C-alpha atoms as a PDB file:
ATOM      1  CA  MET A   1     110.454  45.202  51.556  1.00  0.00           C
ATOM      2  CA  ALA A   2     109.954  48.397  49.522  1.00  0.00           C
ATOM      3  CA  ARG A   3     110.017  51.646  51.573  1.00  0.00           C
ATOM      4  CA  ARG A   4     106.695  53.072  52.417  1.00  0.00           C
ATOM      5  CA  TYR A   5     106.738  56.877  51.731  1.00  0.00           C
ATOM      6  CA  ARG A   6     104.778  59.572  53.504  1.00  0.00           C
ATOM      7  CA  ALA A   7     103.569  62.857  52.022  1.00  0.00           C
ATOM      8  CA  ALA A   8     106.069  64.710  54.195  1.00  0.00           C
ATOM      9  CA  ASP A   9     108.897  62.962  52.318  1.00  0.00           C
ATOM     10  CA  PHE A  10     108.018  64.963  49.225  1.00  0.00           C
ATOM     11  CA  ASP A  11     108.554  68.365  50.959  1.00  0.00           C
ATOM     12  CA  TYR A  12     111.447  70.466  49.858  1.00  0.00           C
ATOM     13  CA  PRO A  13     112.372  74.116  50.661  1.00  0.00           C
ATOM     14  CA  TYR A  14     112.707  76.724  47.956  1.00  0.00           C
ATOM     15  CA  PRO A  15     112.953  80.517  47.937  1.00  0.00           C
ATOM     16  CA  PRO A  16     109.683  82.039  46.715  1.00  0.00           C
ATOM     17  CA  GLU A  17     111.534  84.247  44.240  1.00  0.00           C
ATOM     18  CA  LEU A  18     112.340  81.074  42.235  1.00  0.00           C
ATOM     19  CA  VAL A  19     108.699  80.653  41.231  1.00  0.00           C
ATOM     20  CA  ALA A  20     108.502  81.853  37.655  1.00  0.00           C
ATOM     21  CA  GLN A  21     105.834  84.584  37.415  1.00  0.00           C
ATOM     22  CA  HIS A  22     106.262  85.216  33.641  1.00  0.00           C
ATOM     23  CA  PRO A  23     107.480  83.011  30.746  1.00  0.00           C
ATOM     24  CA  LEU A  24     110.875  83.736  29.138  1.00  0.00           C
ATOM     25  CA  PRO A  25     110.604  85.735  25.925  1.00  0.00           C
ATOM     26  CA  ASP A  26     112.062  82.659  24.024  1.00  0.00           C
ATOM     27  CA  ARG A  27     110.402  79.387  24.831  1.00  0.00           C
ATOM     28  CA  THR A  28     113.576  77.391  24.071  1.00  0.00           C
ATOM     29  CA  ALA A  29     115.801  79.501  26.414  1.00  0.00           C
ATOM     30  CA  SER A  30     114.673  77.644  29.520  1.00  0.00           C
ATOM     31  CA  ARG A  31     117.327  75.585  31.334  1.00  0.00           C
ATOM     32  CA  LEU A  32     117.227  71.850  31.186  1.00  0.00           C
ATOM     33  CA  LEU A  33     118.406  69.715  34.109  1.00  0.00           C
ATOM     34  CA  VAL A  34     119.282  66.275  32.725  1.00  0.00           C
ATOM     35  CA  LEU A  35     119.032  63.466  35.260  1.00  0.00           C
ATOM     36  CA  ASP A  36     120.328  59.897  34.713  1.00  0.00           C
ATOM     37  CA  ARG A  37     117.935  57.741  36.600  1.00  0.00           C
ATOM     38  CA  GLU A  38     120.362  54.894  36.881  1.00  0.00           C
ATOM     39  CA  THR A  39     123.224  56.791  38.510  1.00  0.00           C
ATOM     40  CA  GLY A  40     121.649  60.066  39.774  1.00  0.00           C
ATOM     41  CA  ALA A  41     124.153  62.095  37.709  1.00  0.00           C
ATOM     42  CA  VAL A  42     122.964  65.526  36.791  1.00  0.00           C
ATOM     43  CA  THR A  43     124.096  67.741  33.914  1.00  0.00           C
ATOM     44  CA  HIS A  44     122.877  71.273  33.077  1.00  0.00           C
ATOM     45  CA  ARG A  45     121.798  72.223  29.530  1.00  0.00           C
ATOM     46  CA  ARG A  46     119.398  74.450  27.764  1.00  0.00           C
ATOM     47  CA  PHE A  47     116.119  73.241  26.370  1.00  0.00           C
ATOM     48  CA  ARG A  48     117.151  74.134  22.791  1.00  0.00           C
ATOM     49  CA  GLU A  49     119.700  71.355  23.141  1.00  0.00           C
ATOM     50  CA  LEU A  50     116.876  68.686  23.768  1.00  0.00           C
ATOM     51  CA  PRO A  51     117.131  67.234  20.170  1.00  0.00           C
ATOM     52  CA  THR A  52     120.687  66.014  20.910  1.00  0.00           C
ATOM     53  CA  LEU A  53     119.327  63.875  23.697  1.00  0.00           C
ATOM     54  CA  LEU A  54     117.115  61.828  21.357  1.00  0.00           C
ATOM     55  CA  ASP A  55     118.176  59.035  19.133  1.00  0.00           C
ATOM     56  CA  ALA A  56     116.879  57.961  15.674  1.00  0.00           C
ATOM     57  CA  GLY A  57     113.936  55.620  16.211  1.00  0.00           C
ATOM     58  CA  ASP A  58     112.859  57.116  19.595  1.00  0.00           C
ATOM     59  CA  LEU A  59     109.249  58.105  20.034  1.00  0.00           C
ATOM     60  CA  LEU A  60     108.292  61.530  21.459  1.00  0.00           C
ATOM     61  CA  VAL A  61     104.658  61.612  22.712  1.00  0.00           C
ATOM     62  CA  LEU A  62     102.972  64.998  23.184  1.00  0.00           C
ATOM     63  CA  ASN A  63      99.710  66.021  24.889  1.00  0.00           C
ATOM     64  CA  THR A  64      97.821  68.153  22.410  1.00  0.00           C
ATOM     65  CA  SER A  65      95.070  69.265  24.971  1.00  0.00           C
ATOM     66  CA  ARG A  66      94.346  72.951  24.734  1.00  0.00           C
ATOM     67  CA  VAL A  67      93.812  75.192  27.717  1.00  0.00           C
ATOM     68  CA  ILE A  68      90.359  76.917  27.711  1.00  0.00           C
ATOM     69  CA  PRO A  69      89.778  80.403  29.176  1.00  0.00           C
ATOM     70  CA  ALA A  70      87.770  78.773  31.921  1.00  0.00           C
ATOM     71  CA  ARG A  71      87.848  81.337  34.709  1.00  0.00           C
ATOM     72  CA  LEU A  72      84.806  83.541  34.753  1.00  0.00           C
ATOM     73  CA  ILE A  73      83.609  86.244  37.120  1.00  0.00           C
ATOM     74  CA  GLY A  74      80.008  86.429  38.107  1.00  0.00           C
ATOM     75  CA  ARG A  75      78.030  87.967  40.999  1.00  0.00           C
ATOM     76  CA  ARG A  76      76.519  86.271  44.017  1.00  0.00           C
ATOM     77  CA  GLU A  77      72.912  86.941  45.126  1.00  0.00           C
ATOM     78  CA  ASN A  78      74.279  89.688  47.540  1.00  0.00           C
ATOM     79  CA  GLY A  79      75.981  91.408  44.648  1.00  0.00           C
ATOM     80  CA  ARG A  80      79.509  90.412  45.647  1.00  0.00           C
ATOM     81  CA  GLU A  81      81.917  88.884  43.094  1.00  0.00           C
ATOM     82  CA  ALA A  82      82.165  85.144  42.622  1.00  0.00           C
ATOM     83  CA  GLU A  83      84.854  83.408  40.654  1.00  0.00           C
ATOM     84  CA  VAL A  84      83.986  80.191  38.775  1.00  0.00           C
ATOM     85  CA  LEU A  85      86.544  77.810  37.147  1.00  0.00           C
ATOM     86  CA  PHE A  86      84.453  75.694  34.808  1.00  0.00           C
ATOM     87  CA  ILE A  87      86.067  72.218  34.439  1.00  0.00           C
ATOM     88  CA  HIS A  88      83.796  70.305  32.051  1.00  0.00           C
ATOM     89  CA  SER A  89      80.230  69.651  31.049  1.00  0.00           C
ATOM     90  CA  GLU A  90      78.184  66.681  32.186  1.00  0.00           C
ATOM     91  CA  PRO A  91      75.867  64.527  29.944  1.00  0.00           C
ATOM     92  CA  ASP A  92      72.785  66.296  31.401  1.00  0.00           C
ATOM     93  CA  GLY A  93      74.031  69.678  30.456  1.00  0.00           C
ATOM     94  CA  SER A  94      75.202  70.764  33.958  1.00  0.00           C
ATOM     95  CA  TRP A  95      78.775  71.715  34.503  1.00  0.00           C
ATOM     96  CA  LEU A  96      81.431  70.838  37.131  1.00  0.00           C
ATOM     97  CA  ALA A  97      83.295  73.774  38.539  1.00  0.00           C
ATOM     98  CA  MET A  98      85.487  75.142  41.333  1.00  0.00           C
ATOM     99  CA  VAL A  99      84.195  78.313  42.953  1.00  0.00           C
ATOM    100  CA  HIS A 100      85.521  81.117  45.139  1.00  0.00           C
ATOM    101  CA  PRO A 101      84.637  81.998  47.847  1.00  0.00           C
ATOM    102  CA  GLY A 102      84.004  78.337  48.412  1.00  0.00           C
ATOM    103  CA  GLY A 103      82.692  78.701  51.920  1.00  0.00           C
ATOM    104  CA  LYS A 104      79.852  80.984  50.905  1.00  0.00           C
ATOM    105  CA  LEU A 105      78.773  79.104  47.738  1.00  0.00           C
ATOM    106  CA  LYS A 106      76.888  76.004  49.004  1.00  0.00           C
ATOM    107  CA  ALA A 107      74.063  73.980  47.259  1.00  0.00           C
ATOM    108  CA  GLY A 108      71.110  76.090  46.457  1.00  0.00           C
ATOM    109  CA  ARG A 109      73.122  79.302  45.929  1.00  0.00           C
ATOM    110  CA  ARG A 110      73.020  81.064  42.505  1.00  0.00           C
ATOM    111  CA  ILE A 111      75.665  82.991  40.574  1.00  0.00           C
ATOM    112  CA  PHE A 112      74.614  85.567  37.956  1.00  0.00           C
ATOM    113  CA  PHE A 113      76.497  86.370  34.744  1.00  0.00           C
ATOM    114  CA  GLY A 114      74.732  89.430  33.319  1.00  0.00           C
ATOM    115  CA  ASP A 115      70.981  90.021  33.520  1.00  0.00           C
ATOM    116  CA  ASP A 116      69.641  86.640  32.306  1.00  0.00           C
ATOM    117  CA  ALA A 117      72.304  83.938  32.723  1.00  0.00           C
ATOM    118  CA  VAL A 118      72.286  82.024  36.045  1.00  0.00           C
ATOM    119  CA  ALA A 119      74.292  79.146  37.358  1.00  0.00           C
ATOM    120  CA  GLU A 120      72.738  77.372  40.348  1.00  0.00           C
ATOM    121  CA  ILE A 121      74.788  75.063  42.644  1.00  0.00           C
ATOM    122  CA  VAL A 122      72.985  71.873  42.853  1.00  0.00           C
ATOM    123  CA  GLU A 123      75.561  69.546  44.426  1.00  0.00           C
ATOM    124  CA  VAL A 124      78.794  69.886  46.350  1.00  0.00           C
ATOM    125  CA  ARG A 125      81.161  66.928  45.499  1.00  0.00           C
ATOM    126  CA  ARG A 126      84.410  65.689  47.095  1.00  0.00           C
ATOM    127  CA  GLY A 127      87.283  68.029  46.899  1.00  0.00           C
ATOM    128  CA  GLY A 128      85.124  71.189  46.684  1.00  0.00           C
ATOM    129  CA  VAL A 129      83.903  70.504  43.136  1.00  0.00           C
ATOM    130  CA  ARG A 130      80.456  71.980  42.518  1.00  0.00           C
ATOM    131  CA  ARG A 131      77.904  70.798  39.990  1.00  0.00           C
ATOM    132  CA  LEU A 132      76.155  73.692  38.465  1.00  0.00           C
ATOM    133  CA  ARG A 133      72.651  73.752  36.624  1.00  0.00           C
ATOM    134  CA  LEU A 134      72.652  76.517  34.013  1.00  0.00           C
ATOM    135  CA  ASP A 135      69.737  78.837  32.953  1.00  0.00           C
ATOM    136  CA  GLY A 136      70.396  80.929  29.902  1.00  0.00           C
ATOM    137  CA  LEU A 137      74.181  80.508  30.252  1.00  0.00           C
ATOM    138  CA  ASP A 138      76.234  79.497  27.176  1.00  0.00           C
ATOM    139  CA  VAL A 139      79.499  78.773  29.019  1.00  0.00           C
ATOM    140  CA  ARG A 140      81.614  78.293  25.987  1.00  0.00           C
ATOM    141  CA  GLY A 141      80.332  81.453  24.360  1.00  0.00           C
ATOM    142  CA  LEU A 142      80.970  83.412  27.579  1.00  0.00           C
ATOM    143  CA  MET A 143      84.452  81.876  27.853  1.00  0.00           C
ATOM    144  CA  ALA A 144      85.163  83.126  24.352  1.00  0.00           C
ATOM    145  CA  ARG A 145      83.940  86.620  25.169  1.00  0.00           C
ATOM    146  CA  SER A 146      85.232  87.256  28.531  1.00  0.00           C
ATOM    147  CA  GLY A 147      86.965  84.161  30.024  1.00  0.00           C
ATOM    148  CA  ARG A 148      90.335  84.515  31.731  1.00  0.00           C
ATOM    149  CA  VAL A 149      93.321  82.276  31.372  1.00  0.00           C
ATOM    150  CA  PRO A 150      93.314  79.944  34.401  1.00  0.00           C
ATOM    151  CA  LEU A 151      96.870  80.666  35.666  1.00  0.00           C
ATOM    152  CA  PRO A 152      98.012  78.514  38.622  1.00  0.00           C
ATOM    153  CA  PRO A 153      97.602  79.880  42.142  1.00  0.00           C
ATOM    154  CA  TYR A 154     101.210  80.324  42.605  1.00  0.00           C
ATOM    155  CA  ILE A 155     101.378  82.974  39.885  1.00  0.00           C
ATOM    156  CA  HIS A 156     100.625  86.069  41.816  1.00  0.00           C
ATOM    157  CA  ARG A 157      99.288  88.421  39.129  1.00  0.00           C
ATOM    158  CA  ALA A 158      96.360  88.824  36.895  1.00  0.00           C
ATOM    159  CA  PRO A 159      96.438  87.188  33.439  1.00  0.00           C
ATOM    160  CA  GLU A 160      97.846  89.316  30.776  1.00  0.00           C
ATOM    161  CA  PRO A 161      97.130  89.298  27.065  1.00  0.00           C
ATOM    162  CA  ASP A 162     100.344  87.251  26.209  1.00  0.00           C
ATOM    163  CA  ASP A 163      99.238  84.537  28.544  1.00  0.00           C
ATOM    164  CA  ARG A 164      96.530  83.460  26.144  1.00  0.00           C
ATOM    165  CA  GLU A 165      99.349  82.325  23.778  1.00  0.00           C
ATOM    166  CA  ARG A 166     102.201  81.446  26.184  1.00  0.00           C
ATOM    167  CA  TYR A 167     100.177  79.360  28.643  1.00  0.00           C
ATOM    168  CA  GLN A 168      99.482  77.089  25.720  1.00  0.00           C
ATOM    169  CA  THR A 169     101.721  74.632  23.787  1.00  0.00           C
ATOM    170  CA  VAL A 170     102.397  75.400  20.147  1.00  0.00           C
ATOM    171  CA  TYR A 171     100.732  72.141  19.279  1.00  0.00           C
ATOM    172  CA  ALA A 172      97.598  72.434  21.351  1.00  0.00           C
ATOM    173  CA  ARG A 173      94.444  71.375  19.463  1.00  0.00           C
ATOM    174  CA  GLU A 174      91.703  69.762  21.562  1.00  0.00           C
ATOM    175  CA  GLU A 175      89.980  72.102  23.994  1.00  0.00           C
ATOM    176  CA  GLY A 176      89.432  70.911  27.579  1.00  0.00           C
ATOM    177  CA  SER A 177      92.347  71.640  29.923  1.00  0.00           C
ATOM    178  CA  VAL A 178      92.056  74.113  32.892  1.00  0.00           C
ATOM    179  CA  ALA A 179      95.800  74.020  33.430  1.00  0.00           C
ATOM    180  CA  ALA A 180      98.570  73.671  30.685  1.00  0.00           C
ATOM    181  CA  PRO A 181     100.596  70.505  30.207  1.00  0.00           C
ATOM    182  CA  THR A 182     103.724  72.610  31.072  1.00  0.00           C
ATOM    183  CA  ALA A 183     106.448  70.324  29.942  1.00  0.00           C
ATOM    184  CA  GLY A 184     105.227  71.193  26.437  1.00  0.00           C
ATOM    185  CA  LEU A 185     105.503  74.947  26.819  1.00  0.00           C
ATOM    186  CA  HIS A 186     109.229  74.908  25.969  1.00  0.00           C
ATOM    187  CA  PHE A 187     108.710  73.585  22.428  1.00  0.00           C
ATOM    188  CA  THR A 188     108.607  75.582  19.255  1.00  0.00           C
ATOM    189  CA  ASP A 189     107.836  74.523  15.770  1.00  0.00           C
ATOM    190  CA  GLU A 190     111.528  74.680  14.960  1.00  0.00           C
ATOM    191  CA  ILE A 191     112.562  72.455  17.835  1.00  0.00           C
ATOM    192  CA  LEU A 192     109.998  69.883  16.807  1.00  0.00           C
ATOM    193  CA  GLU A 193     111.477  69.974  13.143  1.00  0.00           C
ATOM    194  CA  SER A 194     114.822  69.387  14.688  1.00  0.00           C
ATOM    195  CA  VAL A 195     113.639  66.450  16.565  1.00  0.00           C
ATOM    196  CA  ARG A 196     111.985  64.956  13.379  1.00  0.00           C
ATOM    197  CA  ALA A 197     115.244  65.603  11.516  1.00  0.00           C
ATOM    198  CA  ARG A 198     117.013  63.285  13.806  1.00  0.00           C
ATOM    199  CA  GLY A 199     114.746  60.327  12.892  1.00  0.00           C
ATOM    200  CA  VAL A 200     112.510  60.612  15.869  1.00  0.00           C
ATOM    201  CA  THR A 201     108.854  59.842  15.482  1.00  0.00           C
ATOM    202  CA  ILE A 202     106.402  62.283  17.120  1.00  0.00           C
ATOM    203  CA  ALA A 203     102.974  61.040  18.199  1.00  0.00           C
ATOM    204  CA  HIS A 204     100.074  62.607  20.053  1.00  0.00           C
ATOM    205  CA  THR A 205      97.691  61.833  22.855  1.00  0.00           C
ATOM    206  CA  VAL A 206      95.184  63.832  24.928  1.00  0.00           C
ATOM    207  CA  LEU A 207      94.760  64.270  28.655  1.00  0.00           C
ATOM    208  CA  HIS A 208      92.531  67.229  29.674  1.00  0.00           C
ATOM    209  CA  VAL A 209      94.338  68.644  32.823  1.00  0.00           C
ATOM    210  CA  GLY A 210      91.893  69.376  35.742  1.00  0.00           C
ATOM    211  CA  PRO A 211      92.305  71.560  38.898  1.00  0.00           C
ATOM    212  CA  GLY A 212      93.302  68.525  40.839  1.00  0.00           C
ATOM    213  CA  THR A 213      96.804  68.934  39.366  1.00  0.00           C
ATOM    214  CA  PHE A 214      97.473  71.656  41.979  1.00  0.00           C
ATOM    215  CA  LYS A 215      95.935  69.824  44.863  1.00  0.00           C
ATOM    216  CA  PRO A 216      98.641  68.672  47.286  1.00  0.00           C
ATOM    217  CA  VAL A 217      98.581  65.252  48.921  1.00  0.00           C
ATOM    218  CA  ASP A 218      97.078  66.300  52.298  1.00  0.00           C
ATOM    219  CA  VAL A 219      97.009  62.896  53.900  1.00  0.00           C
ATOM    220  CA  GLU A 220     100.281  61.451  55.321  1.00  0.00           C
ATOM    221  CA  ASP A 221      99.855  58.164  53.507  1.00  0.00           C
ATOM    222  CA  PRO A 222      99.718  58.824  49.694  1.00  0.00           C
ATOM    223  CA  ALA A 223      97.776  55.622  49.160  1.00  0.00           C
ATOM    224  CA  ARG A 224      94.828  57.368  50.845  1.00  0.00           C
ATOM    225  CA  HIS A 225      94.865  60.289  48.422  1.00  0.00           C
ATOM    226  CA  THR A 226      91.900  60.585  46.047  1.00  0.00           C
ATOM    227  CA  MET A 227      92.807  61.666  42.502  1.00  0.00           C
ATOM    228  CA  HIS A 228      90.542  63.841  40.407  1.00  0.00           C
ATOM    229  CA  ALA A 229      89.671  61.883  37.400  1.00  0.00           C
ATOM    230  CA  GLU A 230      90.728  63.380  33.955  1.00  0.00           C
ATOM    231  CA  TRP A 231      89.664  62.549  30.433  1.00  0.00           C
ATOM    232  CA  TYR A 232      92.248  60.933  28.192  1.00  0.00           C
ATOM    233  CA  GLU A 233      92.521  59.650  24.650  1.00  0.00           C
ATOM    234  CA  LEU A 234      95.112  57.359  23.154  1.00  0.00           C
ATOM    235  CA  PRO A 235      94.657  57.194  19.392  1.00  0.00           C
ATOM    236  CA  ALA A 236      95.285  54.121  17.346  1.00  0.00           C
ATOM    237  CA  ASP A 237      98.295  55.528  15.482  1.00  0.00           C
ATOM    238  CA  THR A 238      99.975  56.516  18.774  1.00  0.00           C
ATOM    239  CA  ALA A 239      99.296  53.066  20.222  1.00  0.00           C
ATOM    240  CA  ASP A 240     100.915  51.560  16.980  1.00  0.00           C
ATOM    241  CA  ALA A 241     103.856  53.876  17.312  1.00  0.00           C
ATOM    242  CA  VAL A 242     104.427  52.811  20.825  1.00  0.00           C
ATOM    243  CA  GLY A 243     104.319  49.215  19.819  1.00  0.00           C
ATOM    244  CA  ARG A 244     106.773  49.672  17.040  1.00  0.00           C
ATOM    245  CA  ALA A 245     109.166  51.568  19.300  1.00  0.00           C
ATOM    246  CA  LYS A 246     108.936  48.821  22.076  1.00  0.00           C
ATOM    247  CA  ALA A 247     109.345  45.981  19.559  1.00  0.00           C
ATOM    248  CA  GLY A 248     112.435  47.702  18.102  1.00  0.00           C
ATOM    249  CA  GLY A 249     114.002  48.369  21.583  1.00  0.00           C
ATOM    250  CA  ARG A 250     113.588  52.203  21.177  1.00  0.00           C
ATOM    251  CA  ARG A 251     112.735  54.654  23.786  1.00  0.00           C
ATOM    252  CA  VAL A 252     109.258  56.043  24.433  1.00  0.00           C
ATOM    253  CA  TRP A 253     109.541  59.732  25.663  1.00  0.00           C
ATOM    254  CA  ALA A 254     106.612  61.169  27.551  1.00  0.00           C
ATOM    255  CA  VAL A 255     106.413  64.884  27.305  1.00  0.00           C
ATOM    256  CA  GLY A 256     104.991  65.611  30.704  1.00  0.00           C
ATOM    257  CA  THR A 257     103.340  63.808  33.583  1.00  0.00           C
ATOM    258  CA  THR A 258     100.090  63.970  31.691  1.00  0.00           C
ATOM    259  CA  VAL A 259     101.522  61.842  28.837  1.00  0.00           C
ATOM    260  CA  ALA A 260     103.149  59.514  31.368  1.00  0.00           C
ATOM    261  CA  ARG A 261      99.838  59.000  33.090  1.00  0.00           C
ATOM    262  CA  THR A 262      97.980  58.380  29.816  1.00  0.00           C
ATOM    263  CA  LEU A 263     100.507  55.816  28.537  1.00  0.00           C
ATOM    264  CA  GLU A 264     100.683  54.106  31.850  1.00  0.00           C
ATOM    265  CA  THR A 265      96.941  53.985  32.164  1.00  0.00           C
ATOM    266  CA  ALA A 266      96.818  52.225  28.717  1.00  0.00           C
ATOM    267  CA  GLY A 267      99.747  49.935  29.755  1.00  0.00           C
ATOM    268  CA  ALA A 268      97.988  49.006  32.976  1.00  0.00           C
ATOM    269  CA  LEU A 269      94.914  47.862  30.860  1.00  0.00           C
ATOM    270  CA  THR A 270      96.959  45.928  28.490  1.00  0.00           C
ATOM    271  CA  VAL A 271      97.347  42.149  28.980  1.00  0.00           C
ATOM    272  CA  GLY A 272     100.787  40.924  27.883  1.00  0.00           C
ATOM    273  CA  PRO A 273     103.686  42.926  26.390  1.00  0.00           C
ATOM    274  CA  THR A 274     103.310  46.634  26.054  1.00  0.00           C
ATOM    275  CA  ASP A 275     104.050  46.623  22.277  1.00  0.00           C
ATOM    276  CA  ARG A 276     100.369  45.614  22.031  1.00  0.00           C
ATOM    277  CA  LEU A 277      98.746  48.772  23.240  1.00  0.00           C
ATOM    278  CA  THR A 278      95.346  49.506  21.756  1.00  0.00           C
ATOM    279  CA  ALA A 279      93.428  52.717  21.197  1.00  0.00           C
ATOM    280  CA  ARG A 280      91.551  53.792  24.383  1.00  0.00           C
ATOM    281  CA  SER A 281      89.726  56.747  25.755  1.00  0.00           C
ATOM    282  CA  GLY A 282      87.879  57.436  29.089  1.00  0.00           C
ATOM    283  CA  TRP A 283      88.500  58.781  32.535  1.00  0.00           C
ATOM    284  CA  THR A 284      91.760  58.010  34.391  1.00  0.00           C
ATOM    285  CA  ASP A 285      92.355  58.535  38.124  1.00  0.00           C
ATOM    286  CA  LEU A 286      95.727  56.585  38.010  1.00  0.00           C
ATOM    287  CA  PHE A 287      98.022  57.839  40.878  1.00  0.00           C
ATOM    288  CA  VAL A 288     101.589  56.990  40.262  1.00  0.00           C
ATOM    289  CA  TYR A 289     103.872  57.231  43.273  1.00  0.00           C
ATOM    290  CA  PRO A 290     106.851  55.129  44.482  1.00  0.00           C
ATOM    291  CA  PRO A 291     107.325  52.266  44.208  1.00  0.00           C
ATOM    292  CA  TYR A 292     105.772  51.859  40.628  1.00  0.00           C
ATOM    293  CA  ASP A 293     106.815  49.682  37.749  1.00  0.00           C
ATOM    294  CA  PHE A 294     106.491  51.660  34.622  1.00  0.00           C
ATOM    295  CA  ARG A 295     105.444  49.447  31.613  1.00  0.00           C
ATOM    296  CA  VAL A 296     105.558  52.052  28.776  1.00  0.00           C
ATOM    297  CA  VAL A 297     107.566  55.136  29.506  1.00  0.00           C
ATOM    298  CA  ASP A 298     111.366  55.089  29.114  1.00  0.00           C
ATOM    299  CA  ALA A 299     112.189  58.779  29.354  1.00  0.00           C
ATOM    300  CA  LEU A 300     110.453  61.659  30.849  1.00  0.00           C
ATOM    301  CA  LEU A 301     110.477  65.395  30.105  1.00  0.00           C
ATOM    302  CA  THR A 302     108.986  67.396  32.837  1.00  0.00           C
ATOM    303  CA  ASN A 303     108.994  70.778  34.673  1.00  0.00           C
ATOM    304  CA  PHE A 304     109.688  71.251  38.399  1.00  0.00           C
ATOM    305  CA  HIS A 305     106.624  70.504  40.567  1.00  0.00           C
ATOM    306  CA  LEU A 306     105.203  71.667  43.860  1.00  0.00           C
ATOM    307  CA  PRO A 307     106.133  69.910  47.103  1.00  0.00           C
ATOM    308  CA  ARG A 308     103.793  67.098  48.111  1.00  0.00           C
ATOM    309  CA  SER A 309     102.182  67.098  44.702  1.00  0.00           C
ATOM    310  CA  THR A 310     101.075  64.060  42.891  1.00  0.00           C
ATOM    311  CA  LEU A 311     103.253  65.164  39.919  1.00  0.00           C
ATOM    312  CA  LEU A 312     106.470  65.191  42.039  1.00  0.00           C
ATOM    313  CA  MET A 313     105.414  61.689  43.254  1.00  0.00           C
ATOM    314  CA  LEU A 314     105.130  60.492  39.701  1.00  0.00           C
ATOM    315  CA  VAL A 315     108.592  61.898  38.916  1.00  0.00           C
ATOM    316  CA  ALA A 316     110.004  60.197  42.099  1.00  0.00           C
ATOM    317  CA  ALA A 317     108.495  56.862  41.070  1.00  0.00           C
ATOM    318  CA  PHE A 318     110.223  57.196  37.634  1.00  0.00           C
ATOM    319  CA  ALA A 319     113.602  58.517  38.575  1.00  0.00           C
ATOM    320  CA  GLY A 320     113.838  56.961  42.004  1.00  0.00           C
ATOM    321  CA  TYR A 321     113.031  58.926  45.229  1.00  0.00           C
ATOM    322  CA  ALA A 322     116.654  59.702  46.242  1.00  0.00           C
ATOM    323  CA  HIS A 323     117.703  60.790  42.829  1.00  0.00           C
ATOM    324  CA  THR A 324     114.625  62.970  42.379  1.00  0.00           C
ATOM    325  CA  MET A 325     115.029  64.779  45.608  1.00  0.00           C
ATOM    326  CA  ALA A 326     118.694  65.251  45.121  1.00  0.00           C
ATOM    327  CA  ALA A 327     118.050  66.659  41.723  1.00  0.00           C
ATOM    328  CA  TYR A 328     115.481  69.162  43.173  1.00  0.00           C
ATOM    329  CA  ARG A 329     117.970  70.248  45.771  1.00  0.00           C
ATOM    330  CA  GLU A 330     120.502  70.837  43.051  1.00  0.00           C
ATOM    331  CA  ALA A 331     118.004  72.815  40.973  1.00  0.00           C
ATOM    332  CA  VAL A 332     117.259  75.082  43.980  1.00  0.00           C
ATOM    333  CA  ARG A 333     120.893  75.625  44.539  1.00  0.00           C
ATOM    334  CA  GLU A 334     121.446  76.443  40.902  1.00  0.00           C
ATOM    335  CA  ARG A 335     118.513  78.890  40.971  1.00  0.00           C
ATOM    336  CA  TYR A 336     116.389  77.111  38.423  1.00  0.00           C
ATOM    337  CA  ARG A 337     113.009  78.757  37.705  1.00  0.00           C
ATOM    338  CA  LEU A 338     110.206  76.675  39.127  1.00  0.00           C
ATOM    339  CA  PHE A 339     106.803  75.393  38.183  1.00  0.00           C
ATOM    340  CA  SER A 340     104.545  76.147  35.219  1.00  0.00           C
ATOM    341  CA  TYR A 341     106.552  78.921  33.568  1.00  0.00           C
ATOM    342  CA  GLY A 342     109.777  77.646  34.929  1.00  0.00           C
ATOM    343  CA  ASP A 343     112.554  75.467  33.695  1.00  0.00           C
ATOM    344  CA  ALA A 344     112.570  71.844  32.531  1.00  0.00           C
ATOM    345  CA  MET A 345     114.020  68.446  33.561  1.00  0.00           C
ATOM    346  CA  ALA A 346     114.784  65.467  31.272  1.00  0.00           C
ATOM    347  CA  ILE A 347     115.044  62.075  33.013  1.00  0.00           C
ATOM    348  CA  LEU A 348     116.893  59.359  30.917  1.00  0.00           C
END
């Protein structure tokens, strides 16, 4: 019988100074821990060496979602500051958002942005998400003028001008994420050209990362954790590229847990062999934790993730729990930089 894991199984200690507070000047200078998921063997490389790990005919899938400057500062009715992280708009024109201070901002309270723009909290949903009704507030216009980069809570500094470019992949296109798909932050145009020169196909998908990516699993049984749904799109040309790679016995590389979730969502909805994926879009709340049988992804490129996070659990499902946790202990011993602006890991 397969082992049943508890949330506490995904704790690990790390010195706080290992949490990267700034990106490296050179995106490709990050370290790369390479993990063999069959044997658990670990080797230490640099990210700029990534192309040498790919073979002709492999498929590298990127998430082209773009981070929006979604963090806005308004005022409560008492004149005190309120912070709003806008997530996405609803069909009726309202917006879903996270707010701070959450305990003070209940249904019926209003947040003011300037003299005439008002957001009223009309509903408090599970996980602290608020639904806001807007009056005279052009959210996207306000983001463009004064929105802040939504840096993760473990980066203990205010956003700086460089974050607008560095907390974004070089291939980001479709706006919609409130957190970066961080495995892609290490790529440059030159690295992508080197990958193509090896005969590797590059394909794209979209998953707009929501704030739930930072939410730890706070119930001991992971099966009881509720995932925040996120919008994804698998284009037809990417579905076809996956099919060709699978039919040819080539590897499908997911750049990040967001791509892995997108591909596995499509795989779970596919009847029969996974070389028959079809174009899809919609909302996914797929939660991948061990044990899990991956149908599409053959290799995973990812960053290092928070303890008890759904992202770490996905990695453990792919690489194996024991191999993953041993690799994390090795990364801490070797002083790898952790989390969004930190170093990378390739699982083969």
